[in-house]
Amino acid sequence: MIHYISNYYYNIFVSYKLYHVLFTIKEKYSFKTIPSYKKKKNIIMDKLDIKILELLQQNAKITIKEMASKMEMTSTPIYSRIKHMERTGIIDKYVTLIDPKKCGKSQVVFCNVSMINSEIENYKKFEKIIQSMPEIIECYYLAGKVDYQLKVMVKDIEHYDSFLKRIAAIDIIKLHSSRIVLHSVKYSTVVPIG
């Protein structure tokens, strides 16, 4: 009987210590749980993962060695964490950002579009059509009077006019308005995760 009681209290003690250790680790690294859309489960990120992502978002060409130096760590765990974030879909892809003005695409216009009727097939058809229009660099499906907002990047207003004629020829939509951007106040590709 004494042996049974001592094992019982020993198990409680071990459970308490384990809980305390896990709680301390959680507080120290302040884990963030974010949804993973590729594997349909939550992924836990700590302060080190967030720091790695911040560095990569500022410069995707940064080397593991440079990152290790900035984070005062060895290269191996950083490499492992990056590979893990690539596998789980947190890091989606690496791209090069270019200056649109230097490439002759200096005019940005926001174009608001709605469907003529609310049949689901029309929405699917429209979303498929715009994938083949390179001038549309972003498209958002909205709640409210307007169904979609398109971010359009063109050379100039004449180019936008020809784009409008092509999009107006799509018989399932109606154009609401165009908003011509005079100048950019803020532009960032950095996702605020910290």
C-alpha atoms as a PDB file:
ATOM      1  CA  MET A   1       0.000   0.000   0.000  1.00  0.00           C
ATOM      2  CA  ILE A   2       2.800   2.416   0.911  1.00  0.00           C
ATOM      3  CA  HIS A   3       4.563   1.564  -2.349  1.00  0.00           C
ATOM      4  CA  TYR A   4       1.340   2.311  -4.320  1.00  0.00           C
ATOM      5  CA  ILE A   5       0.870   5.703  -2.599  1.00  0.00           C
ATOM      6  CA  SER A   6       4.496   6.701  -3.171  1.00  0.00           C
ATOM      7  CA  ASN A   7       4.185   5.802  -6.889  1.00  0.00           C
ATOM      8  CA  TYR A   8       0.966   7.822  -7.067  1.00  0.00           C
ATOM      9  CA  TYR A   9       2.591  10.931  -5.578  1.00  0.00           C
ATOM     10  CA  TYR A  10       5.715  10.389  -7.662  1.00  0.00           C
ATOM     11  CA  ASN A  11       3.582  10.397 -10.865  1.00  0.00           C
ATOM     12  CA  ILE A  12       1.847  13.604  -9.763  1.00  0.00           C
ATOM     13  CA  PHE A  13       5.227  15.188  -9.059  1.00  0.00           C
ATOM     14  CA  VAL A  14       6.616  14.138 -12.479  1.00  0.00           C
ATOM     15  CA  SER A  15       3.474  15.430 -14.224  1.00  0.00           C
ATOM     16  CA  TYR A  16       3.748  18.748 -12.390  1.00  0.00           C
ATOM     17  CA  LYS A  17       7.438  19.106 -13.288  1.00  0.00           C
ATOM     18  CA  LEU A  18       6.723  18.269 -16.934  1.00  0.00           C
ATOM     19  CA  TYR A  19       3.914  20.853 -17.036  1.00  0.00           C
ATOM     20  CA  HIS A  20       6.189  23.433 -15.407  1.00  0.00           C
ATOM     21  CA  VAL A  21       8.990  22.759 -17.947  1.00  0.00           C
ATOM     22  CA  LEU A  22       6.599  22.998 -20.905  1.00  0.00           C
ATOM     23  CA  PHE A  23       5.022  26.188 -19.539  1.00  0.00           C
ATOM     24  CA  THR A  24       8.475  27.732 -19.040  1.00  0.00           C
ATOM     25  CA  ILE A  25       9.474  26.847 -22.620  1.00  0.00           C
ATOM     26  CA  LYS A  26       6.224  28.319 -23.930  1.00  0.00           C
ATOM     27  CA  GLU A  27       6.791  31.571 -21.999  1.00  0.00           C
ATOM     28  CA  LYS A  28      10.441  31.797 -23.030  1.00  0.00           C
ATOM     29  CA  TYR A  29       9.847  31.364 -26.755  1.00  0.00           C
ATOM     30  CA  SER A  30       6.259  32.724 -26.837  1.00  0.00           C
ATOM     31  CA  PHE A  31       4.965  30.224 -29.376  1.00  0.00           C
ATOM     32  CA  LYS A  32       2.467  31.469 -31.942  1.00  0.00           C
ATOM     33  CA  THR A  33      -0.006  29.052 -33.470  1.00  0.00           C
ATOM     34  CA  ILE A  34      -0.879  29.769 -37.073  1.00  0.00           C
ATOM     35  CA  PRO A  35      -3.121  27.793 -39.414  1.00  0.00           C
ATOM     36  CA  SER A  36      -1.507  25.696 -42.134  1.00  0.00           C
ATOM     37  CA  TYR A  37      -3.625  25.520 -45.247  1.00  0.00           C
ATOM     38  CA  LYS A  38      -1.498  22.861 -46.914  1.00  0.00           C
ATOM     39  CA  LYS A  39      -1.618  20.219 -44.183  1.00  0.00           C
ATOM     40  CA  LYS A  40      -4.812  21.383 -42.414  1.00  0.00           C
ATOM     41  CA  LYS A  41      -3.227  21.591 -38.976  1.00  0.00           C
ATOM     42  CA  ASN A  42      -1.820  24.320 -36.765  1.00  0.00           C
ATOM     43  CA  ILE A  43       1.882  25.055 -36.931  1.00  0.00           C
ATOM     44  CA  ILE A  44       3.715  26.398 -33.895  1.00  0.00           C
ATOM     45  CA  MET A  45       6.269  29.151 -34.481  1.00  0.00           C
ATOM     46  CA  ASP A  46       8.581  30.569 -31.851  1.00  0.00           C
ATOM     47  CA  LYS A  47      10.603  33.794 -31.685  1.00  0.00           C
ATOM     48  CA  LEU A  48      13.453  32.263 -33.701  1.00  0.00           C
ATOM     49  CA  ASP A  49      11.130  31.257 -36.567  1.00  0.00           C
ATOM     50  CA  ILE A  50       9.629  34.758 -36.585  1.00  0.00           C
ATOM     51  CA  LYS A  51      13.105  36.359 -36.658  1.00  0.00           C
ATOM     52  CA  ILE A  52      14.139  34.101 -39.555  1.00  0.00           C
ATOM     53  CA  LEU A  53      11.005  35.085 -41.502  1.00  0.00           C
ATOM     54  CA  GLU A  54      11.589  38.785 -40.808  1.00  0.00           C
ATOM     55  CA  LEU A  55      15.150  38.522 -42.160  1.00  0.00           C
ATOM     56  CA  LEU A  56      14.050  36.560 -45.232  1.00  0.00           C
ATOM     57  CA  GLN A  57      11.256  39.033 -45.995  1.00  0.00           C
ATOM     58  CA  GLN A  58      13.763  41.908 -45.899  1.00  0.00           C
ATOM     59  CA  ASN A  59      16.243  40.053 -48.135  1.00  0.00           C
ATOM     60  CA  ALA A  60      15.498  36.604 -49.567  1.00  0.00           C
ATOM     61  CA  LYS A  61      19.106  36.338 -50.798  1.00  0.00           C
ATOM     62  CA  ILE A  62      20.548  36.506 -47.267  1.00  0.00           C
ATOM     63  CA  THR A  63      22.830  33.533 -46.616  1.00  0.00           C
ATOM     64  CA  ILE A  64      22.381  31.113 -43.748  1.00  0.00           C
ATOM     65  CA  LYS A  65      25.799  32.231 -42.468  1.00  0.00           C
ATOM     66  CA  GLU A  66      24.758  35.915 -42.422  1.00  0.00           C
ATOM     67  CA  MET A  67      21.513  34.989 -40.693  1.00  0.00           C
ATOM     68  CA  ALA A  68      23.373  32.931 -38.086  1.00  0.00           C
ATOM     69  CA  SER A  69      25.664  35.870 -37.392  1.00  0.00           C
ATOM     70  CA  LYS A  70      22.740  38.284 -36.915  1.00  0.00           C
ATOM     71  CA  MET A  71      20.883  35.828 -34.692  1.00  0.00           C
ATOM     72  CA  GLU A  72      24.020  34.721 -32.794  1.00  0.00           C
ATOM     73  CA  MET A  73      23.366  31.065 -33.586  1.00  0.00           C
ATOM     74  CA  THR A  74      24.967  28.276 -35.569  1.00  0.00           C
ATOM     75  CA  SER A  75      23.898  27.668 -39.161  1.00  0.00           C
ATOM     76  CA  THR A  76      22.465  24.142 -38.760  1.00  0.00           C
ATOM     77  CA  PRO A  77      19.325  24.965 -36.710  1.00  0.00           C
ATOM     78  CA  ILE A  78      18.533  27.939 -38.934  1.00  0.00           C
ATOM     79  CA  TYR A  79      18.810  25.768 -42.049  1.00  0.00           C
ATOM     80  CA  SER A  80      16.573  23.123 -40.427  1.00  0.00           C
ATOM     81  CA  ARG A  81      13.953  25.693 -39.458  1.00  0.00           C
ATOM     82  CA  ILE A  82      13.877  27.203 -42.965  1.00  0.00           C
ATOM     83  CA  LYS A  83      13.456  23.754 -44.537  1.00  0.00           C
ATOM     84  CA  HIS A  84      10.659  22.961 -42.063  1.00  0.00           C
ATOM     85  CA  MET A  85       8.867  26.226 -42.895  1.00  0.00           C
ATOM     86  CA  GLU A  86       9.196  25.454 -46.613  1.00  0.00           C
ATOM     87  CA  ARG A  87       7.742  21.950 -46.127  1.00  0.00           C
ATOM     88  CA  THR A  88       4.802  23.187 -44.045  1.00  0.00           C
ATOM     89  CA  GLY A  89       3.968  26.014 -46.464  1.00  0.00           C
ATOM     90  CA  ILE A  90       4.787  28.958 -44.177  1.00  0.00           C
ATOM     91  CA  ILE A  91       7.407  29.922 -46.762  1.00  0.00           C
ATOM     92  CA  ASP A  92       5.441  29.721 -49.987  1.00  0.00           C
ATOM     93  CA  LYS A  93       8.102  30.763 -52.529  1.00  0.00           C
ATOM     94  CA  TYR A  94      11.038  33.085 -53.148  1.00  0.00           C
ATOM     95  CA  VAL A  95      10.596  35.950 -55.632  1.00  0.00           C
ATOM     96  CA  THR A  96      12.439  38.994 -56.956  1.00  0.00           C
ATOM     97  CA  LEU A  97      10.739  42.370 -56.537  1.00  0.00           C
ATOM     98  CA  ILE A  98      11.316  44.753 -59.423  1.00  0.00           C
ATOM     99  CA  ASP A  99      10.716  48.476 -59.835  1.00  0.00           C
ATOM    100  CA  PRO A 100       7.636  48.757 -62.109  1.00  0.00           C
ATOM    101  CA  LYS A 101       8.557  52.288 -63.276  1.00  0.00           C
ATOM    102  CA  LYS A 102      11.951  51.138 -64.529  1.00  0.00           C
ATOM    103  CA  CYS A 103      10.184  48.366 -66.449  1.00  0.00           C
ATOM    104  CA  GLY A 104       7.742  50.747 -68.116  1.00  0.00           C
ATOM    105  CA  LYS A 105       4.720  49.922 -65.932  1.00  0.00           C
ATOM    106  CA  SER A 106       4.270  53.150 -64.033  1.00  0.00           C
ATOM    107  CA  GLN A 107       0.460  53.455 -63.885  1.00  0.00           C
ATOM    108  CA  VAL A 108      -1.603  51.638 -61.240  1.00  0.00           C
ATOM    109  CA  VAL A 109      -5.403  51.640 -61.381  1.00  0.00           C
ATOM    110  CA  PHE A 110      -7.937  50.011 -59.065  1.00  0.00           C
ATOM    111  CA  CYS A 111     -10.873  48.722 -61.077  1.00  0.00           C
ATOM    112  CA  ASN A 112     -14.153  47.703 -59.395  1.00  0.00           C
ATOM    113  CA  VAL A 113     -16.237  45.001 -61.051  1.00  0.00           C
ATOM    114  CA  SER A 114     -19.517  43.205 -60.293  1.00  0.00           C
ATOM    115  CA  MET A 115     -21.295  40.223 -61.762  1.00  0.00           C
ATOM    116  CA  ILE A 116     -24.467  40.828 -63.795  1.00  0.00           C
ATOM    117  CA  ASN A 117     -26.134  38.063 -61.800  1.00  0.00           C
ATOM    118  CA  SER A 118     -25.052  36.002 -58.805  1.00  0.00           C
ATOM    119  CA  GLU A 119     -24.752  32.580 -60.409  1.00  0.00           C
ATOM    120  CA  ILE A 120     -21.777  30.660 -59.042  1.00  0.00           C
ATOM    121  CA  GLU A 121     -20.681  29.624 -62.538  1.00  0.00           C
ATOM    122  CA  ASN A 122     -20.225  33.298 -63.486  1.00  0.00           C
ATOM    123  CA  TYR A 123     -17.866  33.864 -60.565  1.00  0.00           C
ATOM    124  CA  LYS A 124     -15.818  30.801 -61.483  1.00  0.00           C
ATOM    125  CA  LYS A 125     -15.711  31.842 -65.144  1.00  0.00           C
ATOM    126  CA  PHE A 126     -14.589  35.389 -64.307  1.00  0.00           C
ATOM    127  CA  GLU A 127     -11.897  34.210 -61.903  1.00  0.00           C
ATOM    128  CA  LYS A 128     -10.562  31.871 -64.588  1.00  0.00           C
ATOM    129  CA  ILE A 129     -10.582  34.616 -67.276  1.00  0.00           C
ATOM    130  CA  ILE A 130      -8.593  37.120 -65.207  1.00  0.00           C
ATOM    131  CA  GLN A 131      -5.803  34.596 -64.594  1.00  0.00           C
ATOM    132  CA  SER A 132      -4.813  35.089 -68.257  1.00  0.00           C
ATOM    133  CA  MET A 133      -4.711  38.916 -68.028  1.00  0.00           C
ATOM    134  CA  PRO A 134      -1.166  39.900 -66.983  1.00  0.00           C
ATOM    135  CA  GLU A 135      -2.149  43.528 -66.304  1.00  0.00           C
ATOM    136  CA  ILE A 136      -4.168  42.333 -63.289  1.00  0.00           C
ATOM    137  CA  ILE A 137      -1.584  41.810 -60.575  1.00  0.00           C
ATOM    138  CA  GLU A 138      -4.043  41.407 -57.682  1.00  0.00           C
ATOM    139  CA  CYS A 139      -7.744  40.553 -57.454  1.00  0.00           C
ATOM    140  CA  TYR A 140      -9.902  40.557 -54.328  1.00  0.00           C
ATOM    141  CA  TYR A 141     -13.409  39.174 -53.880  1.00  0.00           C
ATOM    142  CA  LEU A 142     -15.295  41.665 -51.691  1.00  0.00           C
ATOM    143  CA  ALA A 143     -18.372  41.888 -49.511  1.00  0.00           C
ATOM    144  CA  GLY A 144     -20.726  44.765 -50.404  1.00  0.00           C
ATOM    145  CA  LYS A 145     -21.960  46.379 -53.605  1.00  0.00           C
ATOM    146  CA  VAL A 146     -18.811  45.621 -55.594  1.00  0.00           C
ATOM    147  CA  ASP A 147     -17.916  41.965 -56.167  1.00  0.00           C
ATOM    148  CA  TYR A 148     -14.242  42.312 -57.135  1.00  0.00           C
ATOM    149  CA  GLN A 149     -11.484  44.881 -56.877  1.00  0.00           C
ATOM    150  CA  LEU A 150      -8.701  44.515 -59.422  1.00  0.00           C
ATOM    151  CA  LYS A 151      -5.278  46.068 -59.050  1.00  0.00           C
ATOM    152  CA  VAL A 152      -4.160  46.789 -62.589  1.00  0.00           C
ATOM    153  CA  MET A 153      -0.617  47.764 -63.592  1.00  0.00           C
ATOM    154  CA  VAL A 154      -0.169  49.300 -67.036  1.00  0.00           C
ATOM    155  CA  LYS A 155       2.220  51.500 -69.002  1.00  0.00           C
ATOM    156  CA  ASP A 156      -0.061  54.555 -69.142  1.00  0.00           C
ATOM    157  CA  ILE A 157      -3.715  55.646 -69.426  1.00  0.00           C
ATOM    158  CA  GLU A 158      -3.863  54.640 -73.112  1.00  0.00           C
ATOM    159  CA  HIS A 159      -2.799  51.130 -72.122  1.00  0.00           C
ATOM    160  CA  TYR A 160      -5.469  51.099 -69.391  1.00  0.00           C
ATOM    161  CA  ASP A 161      -8.076  52.218 -71.928  1.00  0.00           C
ATOM    162  CA  SER A 162      -7.299  49.211 -74.140  1.00  0.00           C
ATOM    163  CA  PHE A 163      -7.382  46.956 -71.060  1.00  0.00           C
ATOM    164  CA  LEU A 164     -10.828  48.358 -70.119  1.00  0.00           C
ATOM    165  CA  LYS A 165     -12.171  47.566 -73.573  1.00  0.00           C
ATOM    166  CA  ARG A 166     -11.017  43.966 -73.227  1.00  0.00           C
ATOM    167  CA  ILE A 167     -12.498  43.539 -69.767  1.00  0.00           C
ATOM    168  CA  ALA A 168     -15.752  45.264 -70.753  1.00  0.00           C
ATOM    169  CA  ALA A 169     -16.158  42.621 -73.475  1.00  0.00           C
ATOM    170  CA  ILE A 170     -16.641  39.976 -70.774  1.00  0.00           C
ATOM    171  CA  ASP A 171     -20.417  39.596 -70.939  1.00  0.00           C
ATOM    172  CA  ILE A 172     -20.953  38.382 -67.352  1.00  0.00           C
ATOM    173  CA  ILE A 173     -19.680  41.532 -65.622  1.00  0.00           C
ATOM    174  CA  LYS A 174     -20.382  45.218 -65.275  1.00  0.00           C
ATOM    175  CA  LEU A 175     -17.777  47.850 -64.487  1.00  0.00           C
ATOM    176  CA  HIS A 176     -18.438  50.086 -61.505  1.00  0.00           C
ATOM    177  CA  SER A 177     -15.526  52.473 -61.391  1.00  0.00           C
ATOM    178  CA  SER A 178     -11.816  52.998 -61.880  1.00  0.00           C
ATOM    179  CA  ARG A 179      -9.561  54.703 -59.368  1.00  0.00           C
ATOM    180  CA  ILE A 180      -6.331  56.040 -60.866  1.00  0.00           C
ATOM    181  CA  VAL A 181      -3.361  56.066 -58.477  1.00  0.00           C
ATOM    182  CA  LEU A 182      -1.523  59.410 -58.469  1.00  0.00           C
ATOM    183  CA  HIS A 183       1.374  58.235 -56.311  1.00  0.00           C
ATOM    184  CA  SER A 184       2.135  55.457 -53.848  1.00  0.00           C
ATOM    185  CA  VAL A 185       2.243  56.424 -50.164  1.00  0.00           C
ATOM    186  CA  LYS A 186       3.160  53.003 -48.764  1.00  0.00           C
ATOM    187  CA  TYR A 187       4.059  49.748 -50.467  1.00  0.00           C
ATOM    188  CA  SER A 188       5.259  46.672 -48.624  1.00  0.00           C
ATOM    189  CA  THR A 189       5.390  42.944 -49.265  1.00  0.00           C
ATOM    190  CA  VAL A 190       6.304  42.175 -45.646  1.00  0.00           C
ATOM    191  CA  VAL A 191       3.711  40.153 -43.713  1.00  0.00           C
ATOM    192  CA  PRO A 192       3.596  41.496 -40.116  1.00  0.00           C
ATOM    193  CA  ILE A 193       4.110  38.329 -38.032  1.00  0.00           C
ATOM    194  CA  GLY A 194       6.033  39.586 -35.005  1.00  0.00           C
END
